[in-house]
N, C-alpha and C. Protein backbone atom coordinates (compact mmCIF):
# COMPACT_ATOMS: atom_id res chain seq x y z
N MET A 1 0.84 -1.16 0.00
CA MET A 1 0.00 0.00 0.00
C MET A 1 0.90 1.24 0.00
N HIS A 2 0.64 2.15 -0.89
CA HIS A 2 1.42 3.37 -0.96
C HIS A 2 0.85 4.41 -0.01
N SER A 3 1.73 5.20 0.59
CA SER A 3 1.26 6.26 1.46
C SER A 3 0.77 7.43 0.60
N ILE A 4 -0.01 8.26 1.19
CA ILE A 4 -0.55 9.42 0.46
C ILE A 4 0.58 10.33 0.03
N LYS A 5 1.55 10.53 0.92
CA LYS A 5 2.68 11.40 0.58
C LYS A 5 3.43 10.85 -0.63
N GLU A 6 3.62 9.52 -0.67
CA GLU A 6 4.32 8.91 -1.80
C GLU A 6 3.52 9.09 -3.09
N LYS A 7 2.20 8.90 -3.02
CA LYS A 7 1.36 9.07 -4.21
C LYS A 7 1.41 10.50 -4.74
N VAL A 8 1.35 11.46 -3.82
CA VAL A 8 1.39 12.87 -4.23
C VAL A 8 2.75 13.20 -4.83
N SER A 9 3.81 12.70 -4.20
CA SER A 9 5.16 12.95 -4.72
C SER A 9 5.34 12.33 -6.09
N ASN A 10 4.81 11.12 -6.27
CA ASN A 10 4.90 10.46 -7.57
C ASN A 10 4.11 11.21 -8.63
N ALA A 11 2.94 11.73 -8.25
CA ALA A 11 2.12 12.50 -9.20
C ALA A 11 2.85 13.78 -9.60
N ALA A 12 3.49 14.43 -8.64
CA ALA A 12 4.25 15.65 -8.95
C ALA A 12 5.42 15.33 -9.87
N ALA A 13 6.10 14.22 -9.62
CA ALA A 13 7.22 13.82 -10.47
C ALA A 13 6.73 13.48 -11.88
N ALA A 14 5.57 12.84 -11.98
CA ALA A 14 5.01 12.51 -13.30
C ALA A 14 4.64 13.79 -14.04
N GLY A 15 4.10 14.76 -13.33
CA GLY A 15 3.78 16.05 -13.94
C GLY A 15 5.03 16.74 -14.47
N LYS A 16 6.10 16.71 -13.66
CA LYS A 16 7.37 17.30 -14.09
C LYS A 16 7.89 16.59 -15.34
N GLU A 17 7.77 15.26 -15.37
CA GLU A 17 8.22 14.49 -16.53
C GLU A 17 7.43 14.93 -17.77
N HIS A 18 6.12 15.07 -17.62
CA HIS A 18 5.28 15.47 -18.74
C HIS A 18 5.69 16.85 -19.26
N VAL A 19 5.95 17.78 -18.36
CA VAL A 19 6.38 19.13 -18.76
C VAL A 19 7.72 19.06 -19.48
N ASP A 20 8.66 18.25 -18.95
CA ASP A 20 9.97 18.13 -19.60
C ASP A 20 9.86 17.55 -21.00
N ILE A 21 8.97 16.57 -21.18
CA ILE A 21 8.78 15.98 -22.51
C ILE A 21 8.17 17.00 -23.47
N LEU A 22 7.18 17.76 -23.00
CA LEU A 22 6.58 18.79 -23.85
C LEU A 22 7.59 19.87 -24.22
N LYS A 23 8.45 20.21 -23.26
CA LYS A 23 9.48 21.21 -23.52
C LYS A 23 10.47 20.69 -24.57
N ALA A 24 10.84 19.41 -24.47
CA ALA A 24 11.76 18.81 -25.44
C ALA A 24 11.14 18.80 -26.83
N LYS A 25 9.84 18.50 -26.91
CA LYS A 25 9.16 18.49 -28.21
C LYS A 25 9.10 19.89 -28.81
N ALA A 26 8.85 20.90 -27.97
CA ALA A 26 8.80 22.28 -28.46
C ALA A 26 10.17 22.71 -28.96
N GLU A 27 11.22 22.35 -28.22
CA GLU A 27 12.57 22.69 -28.65
C GLU A 27 12.92 22.00 -29.97
N GLU A 28 12.49 20.74 -30.11
CA GLU A 28 12.74 20.02 -31.36
C GLU A 28 12.05 20.72 -32.52
N LYS A 29 10.82 21.14 -32.29
CA LYS A 29 10.06 21.80 -33.35
C LYS A 29 10.76 23.10 -33.78
N ALA A 30 11.25 23.86 -32.78
CA ALA A 30 11.94 25.11 -33.09
C ALA A 30 13.25 24.84 -33.84
N GLU A 31 13.98 23.80 -33.41
CA GLU A 31 15.24 23.48 -34.09
C GLU A 31 15.00 22.99 -35.51
N LYS A 32 13.93 22.22 -35.71
CA LYS A 32 13.62 21.74 -37.05
C LYS A 32 13.20 22.89 -37.97
N ALA A 33 12.57 23.91 -37.38
CA ALA A 33 12.13 25.05 -38.19
C ALA A 33 13.31 25.82 -38.76
N VAL A 34 14.42 25.89 -38.01
CA VAL A 34 15.58 26.63 -38.50
C VAL A 34 16.60 25.71 -39.18
N ALA A 35 16.40 24.40 -39.09
CA ALA A 35 17.33 23.45 -39.71
C ALA A 35 17.23 23.55 -41.23
N ARG A 36 18.38 23.43 -41.87
CA ARG A 36 18.41 23.55 -43.32
C ARG A 36 18.58 22.19 -44.00
N THR A 37 19.16 21.24 -43.28
CA THR A 37 19.41 19.94 -43.91
C THR A 37 18.69 18.83 -43.15
N ARG A 38 18.61 17.69 -43.80
CA ARG A 38 17.98 16.54 -43.15
C ARG A 38 18.77 16.10 -41.91
N GLU A 39 20.10 16.22 -41.98
CA GLU A 39 20.94 15.82 -40.86
C GLU A 39 20.66 16.68 -39.64
N GLU A 40 20.48 17.99 -39.84
CA GLU A 40 20.17 18.88 -38.72
C GLU A 40 18.82 18.53 -38.11
N LYS A 41 17.86 18.18 -38.96
CA LYS A 41 16.54 17.79 -38.46
C LYS A 41 16.63 16.46 -37.69
N ARG A 42 17.44 15.55 -38.22
CA ARG A 42 17.60 14.26 -37.54
C ARG A 42 18.30 14.46 -36.19
N ILE A 43 19.27 15.36 -36.14
CA ILE A 43 19.97 15.66 -34.87
C ILE A 43 18.98 16.24 -33.87
N ALA A 44 18.10 17.14 -34.32
CA ALA A 44 17.10 17.73 -33.43
C ALA A 44 16.17 16.65 -32.87
N GLU A 45 15.82 15.68 -33.71
CA GLU A 45 14.95 14.59 -33.27
C GLU A 45 15.66 13.71 -32.23
N GLU A 46 16.94 13.43 -32.47
CA GLU A 46 17.70 12.60 -31.53
C GLU A 46 17.89 13.31 -30.19
N VAL A 47 18.09 14.61 -30.23
CA VAL A 47 18.23 15.39 -29.00
C VAL A 47 16.92 15.32 -28.20
N ARG A 48 15.79 15.41 -28.91
CA ARG A 48 14.49 15.31 -28.24
C ARG A 48 14.33 13.95 -27.57
N LYS A 49 14.68 12.90 -28.30
CA LYS A 49 14.55 11.55 -27.75
C LYS A 49 15.42 11.39 -26.50
N ALA A 50 16.61 11.96 -26.53
CA ALA A 50 17.51 11.87 -25.37
C ALA A 50 16.92 12.62 -24.17
N LYS A 51 16.33 13.79 -24.44
CA LYS A 51 15.72 14.55 -23.35
C LYS A 51 14.50 13.83 -22.78
N GLU A 52 13.72 13.18 -23.63
CA GLU A 52 12.57 12.41 -23.16
C GLU A 52 13.03 11.24 -22.29
N ALA A 53 14.07 10.56 -22.73
CA ALA A 53 14.60 9.43 -21.96
C ALA A 53 15.13 9.91 -20.61
N GLU A 54 15.78 11.06 -20.60
CA GLU A 54 16.29 11.62 -19.35
C GLU A 54 15.14 11.96 -18.41
N ALA A 55 14.05 12.52 -18.94
CA ALA A 55 12.89 12.86 -18.12
C ALA A 55 12.27 11.60 -17.52
N LYS A 56 12.19 10.54 -18.31
CA LYS A 56 11.64 9.27 -17.81
C LYS A 56 12.55 8.67 -16.75
N MET A 57 13.85 8.76 -16.95
CA MET A 57 14.80 8.25 -15.97
C MET A 57 14.66 9.01 -14.65
N GLU A 58 14.53 10.33 -14.72
CA GLU A 58 14.35 11.13 -13.52
C GLU A 58 13.06 10.76 -12.80
N LEU A 59 11.99 10.46 -13.55
CA LEU A 59 10.74 10.04 -12.95
C LEU A 59 10.93 8.74 -12.17
N HIS A 60 11.60 7.77 -12.77
CA HIS A 60 11.80 6.49 -12.09
C HIS A 60 12.71 6.63 -10.88
N GLN A 61 13.71 7.49 -10.96
CA GLN A 61 14.57 7.74 -9.81
C GLN A 61 13.78 8.39 -8.68
N ALA A 62 12.90 9.33 -9.03
CA ALA A 62 12.09 10.00 -8.01
C ALA A 62 11.14 9.01 -7.35
N LYS A 63 10.53 8.12 -8.15
CA LYS A 63 9.63 7.11 -7.59
C LYS A 63 10.38 6.18 -6.64
N ALA A 64 11.57 5.78 -7.02
CA ALA A 64 12.37 4.92 -6.15
C ALA A 64 12.73 5.65 -4.85
N ARG A 65 13.08 6.92 -4.96
CA ARG A 65 13.41 7.71 -3.77
C ARG A 65 12.19 7.85 -2.86
N HIS A 66 11.01 8.08 -3.44
CA HIS A 66 9.79 8.22 -2.64
C HIS A 66 9.45 6.90 -1.94
N ALA A 67 9.62 5.78 -2.65
CA ALA A 67 9.35 4.48 -2.04
C ALA A 67 10.33 4.22 -0.89
N ALA A 68 11.59 4.59 -1.08
CA ALA A 68 12.59 4.40 -0.02
C ALA A 68 12.27 5.27 1.19
N GLU A 69 11.83 6.50 0.95
CA GLU A 69 11.45 7.38 2.06
C GLU A 69 10.27 6.82 2.83
N THR A 70 9.29 6.27 2.10
CA THR A 70 8.12 5.67 2.76
C THR A 70 8.54 4.47 3.58
N LEU A 71 9.38 3.62 3.01
CA LEU A 71 9.84 2.43 3.74
C LEU A 71 10.64 2.83 4.97
N GLN A 72 11.51 3.81 4.83
CA GLN A 72 12.31 4.27 5.96
C GLN A 72 11.42 4.83 7.05
N SER A 73 10.39 5.55 6.66
CA SER A 73 9.46 6.12 7.62
C SER A 73 8.72 5.02 8.37
N LYS A 74 8.27 4.00 7.63
CA LYS A 74 7.57 2.87 8.25
C LYS A 74 8.48 2.11 9.20
N GLN A 75 9.73 1.89 8.79
CA GLN A 75 10.66 1.16 9.62
C GLN A 75 11.01 1.94 10.88
N SER A 76 11.12 3.25 10.79
CA SER A 76 11.47 4.04 11.97
C SER A 76 10.34 4.01 13.00
N HIS A 77 9.11 3.80 12.55
CA HIS A 77 7.99 3.68 13.48
C HIS A 77 8.00 2.32 14.17
N LEU A 78 8.50 1.28 13.49
CA LEU A 78 8.52 -0.06 14.05
C LEU A 78 9.67 -0.29 15.01
N ILE A 79 10.79 0.39 14.79
CA ILE A 79 11.97 0.17 15.60
C ILE A 79 11.74 0.70 17.00
N GLY A 80 11.88 -0.16 17.97
CA GLY A 80 11.76 0.25 19.37
C GLY A 80 10.34 0.53 19.80
N SER A 81 9.34 0.10 19.04
CA SER A 81 7.97 0.35 19.46
C SER A 81 7.63 -0.56 20.63
N HIS A 82 6.68 -0.18 21.43
CA HIS A 82 6.34 -0.88 22.65
C HIS A 82 5.10 -1.72 22.43
N CYS A 83 5.15 -2.97 22.84
CA CYS A 83 4.02 -3.87 22.71
C CYS A 83 3.20 -3.77 23.99
N HIS A 84 2.00 -3.22 23.92
CA HIS A 84 1.17 -3.00 25.11
C HIS A 84 0.57 -4.29 25.64
N HIS A 85 0.39 -5.30 24.78
CA HIS A 85 -0.25 -6.54 25.19
C HIS A 85 0.64 -7.33 26.16
N HIS A 86 1.95 -7.43 25.84
CA HIS A 86 2.85 -8.23 26.66
C HIS A 86 3.77 -7.37 27.53
N GLY A 87 3.78 -6.05 27.30
CA GLY A 87 4.64 -5.18 28.09
C GLY A 87 6.12 -5.32 27.74
N THR A 88 6.42 -5.72 26.52
CA THR A 88 7.81 -5.88 26.09
C THR A 88 8.05 -5.05 24.85
N HIS A 89 9.31 -4.90 24.52
CA HIS A 89 9.67 -4.17 23.30
C HIS A 89 9.71 -5.14 22.13
N THR A 90 9.37 -4.64 20.95
CA THR A 90 9.44 -5.48 19.76
C THR A 90 10.89 -5.65 19.34
N VAL A 91 11.15 -6.66 18.55
CA VAL A 91 12.50 -6.92 18.08
C VAL A 91 12.85 -5.84 17.07
N GLY A 92 14.01 -5.26 17.19
CA GLY A 92 14.44 -4.22 16.25
C GLY A 92 15.86 -3.81 16.57
N VAL A 93 16.32 -2.81 15.90
CA VAL A 93 17.65 -2.29 16.14
C VAL A 93 17.53 -0.81 16.39
N HIS A 94 18.58 -0.26 16.99
CA HIS A 94 18.59 1.17 17.24
C HIS A 94 18.88 1.89 15.94
N GLN A 95 18.44 3.14 15.86
CA GLN A 95 18.69 3.89 14.63
C GLN A 95 20.18 4.04 14.43
N GLY A 96 20.61 3.96 13.19
CA GLY A 96 22.02 4.07 12.87
C GLY A 96 22.68 2.71 12.71
N GLN A 97 22.02 1.64 13.16
CA GLN A 97 22.57 0.30 12.99
C GLN A 97 21.89 -0.37 11.81
N GLN A 98 22.54 -1.35 11.25
CA GLN A 98 21.93 -2.10 10.16
C GLN A 98 21.09 -3.21 10.74
N ASN A 99 20.05 -3.59 10.00
CA ASN A 99 19.22 -4.69 10.44
C ASN A 99 19.99 -5.99 10.31
N PRO A 100 19.96 -6.83 11.36
CA PRO A 100 20.65 -8.12 11.24
C PRO A 100 19.89 -9.04 10.30
N VAL A 101 20.58 -9.94 9.67
CA VAL A 101 19.95 -10.94 8.82
C VAL A 101 19.25 -11.93 9.74
N VAL A 102 18.04 -12.31 9.41
CA VAL A 102 17.28 -13.22 10.25
C VAL A 102 18.02 -14.54 10.36
N GLY A 103 18.20 -15.02 11.59
CA GLY A 103 18.87 -16.28 11.83
C GLY A 103 20.38 -16.16 11.90
N SER A 104 20.92 -14.94 11.85
CA SER A 104 22.36 -14.75 11.88
C SER A 104 22.79 -14.29 13.28
N THR A 105 24.08 -14.29 13.51
CA THR A 105 24.61 -13.86 14.80
C THR A 105 24.77 -12.35 14.79
N ILE A 106 24.36 -11.71 15.86
CA ILE A 106 24.51 -10.27 16.01
C ILE A 106 25.93 -10.03 16.52
N PRO A 107 26.78 -9.29 15.78
CA PRO A 107 28.18 -9.17 16.15
C PRO A 107 28.42 -8.49 17.50
N THR A 108 27.59 -7.54 17.88
CA THR A 108 27.84 -6.80 19.11
C THR A 108 27.55 -7.61 20.36
N THR A 109 26.61 -8.55 20.30
CA THR A 109 26.24 -9.31 21.49
C THR A 109 26.60 -10.77 21.39
N GLY A 110 26.82 -11.29 20.18
CA GLY A 110 27.12 -12.70 19.99
C GLY A 110 25.88 -13.58 20.07
N THR A 111 24.70 -12.98 20.16
CA THR A 111 23.47 -13.76 20.21
C THR A 111 22.94 -13.97 18.81
N VAL A 112 22.03 -14.90 18.67
CA VAL A 112 21.44 -15.21 17.38
C VAL A 112 20.17 -14.40 17.21
N ALA A 113 20.03 -13.77 16.05
CA ALA A 113 18.81 -13.01 15.74
C ALA A 113 17.67 -14.01 15.58
N PRO A 114 16.42 -13.58 15.83
CA PRO A 114 15.28 -14.50 15.71
C PRO A 114 15.14 -15.02 14.29
N THR A 115 14.62 -16.24 14.17
CA THR A 115 14.47 -16.84 12.85
C THR A 115 13.09 -16.61 12.27
N TYR A 116 12.14 -16.12 13.05
CA TYR A 116 10.82 -15.83 12.53
C TYR A 116 10.85 -14.49 11.80
N PRO A 117 9.91 -14.22 10.90
CA PRO A 117 9.90 -12.94 10.19
C PRO A 117 9.69 -11.78 11.16
N LEU A 118 10.49 -10.75 11.01
CA LEU A 118 10.41 -9.63 11.94
C LEU A 118 9.07 -8.91 11.85
N GLY A 119 8.42 -8.93 10.71
CA GLY A 119 7.14 -8.26 10.56
C GLY A 119 5.97 -9.16 10.95
N GLY A 120 6.22 -10.45 11.12
CA GLY A 120 5.15 -11.38 11.42
C GLY A 120 4.98 -11.62 12.91
N TYR A 121 4.33 -12.70 13.25
CA TYR A 121 4.10 -13.03 14.64
C TYR A 121 5.25 -13.86 15.17
N PRO A 122 5.74 -13.57 16.40
CA PRO A 122 6.79 -14.40 16.98
C PRO A 122 6.22 -15.76 17.35
N PRO A 123 7.06 -16.75 17.56
CA PRO A 123 6.56 -18.06 17.94
C PRO A 123 5.81 -17.97 19.27
N SER A 124 4.76 -18.76 19.40
CA SER A 124 3.98 -18.71 20.62
C SER A 124 4.75 -19.34 21.77
N HIS A 125 4.41 -18.95 22.97
CA HIS A 125 5.06 -19.45 24.18
C HIS A 125 4.14 -20.41 24.91
N GLY A 126 3.55 -21.32 24.16
CA GLY A 126 2.66 -22.29 24.75
C GLY A 126 1.25 -21.79 24.93
N HIS A 127 0.98 -20.56 24.46
CA HIS A 127 -0.38 -20.01 24.55
C HIS A 127 -1.12 -20.31 23.26
N ILE A 128 -2.38 -20.67 23.38
CA ILE A 128 -3.18 -20.95 22.18
C ILE A 128 -4.28 -19.95 22.07
């Protein structure tokens, strides 16, 4: 599920891409109008295509950045959150540390990280 902020940011990036493409087409049209040879017209067309590709690349980079920001925001809310049902802290790491690989040894403590999915339910303790 995408956050509203991510959707709005993606829409703004798509709008910017559309404007950049229209600008490239207008520039191509102006260059073709003053071009005297077929080669100059072909160069103008290739420049437009390059600018369109650059605009699309920037759109995809912006979308990836927005998705990363959303994920980072979600993860920062999960790290160190308090479980009210059991009165314990959820499994996580402090900010600035990397997430341990599930089932691997944590280098700072020498303990083994849990093998269950961090986003899922931990194994039950005999409760049904």
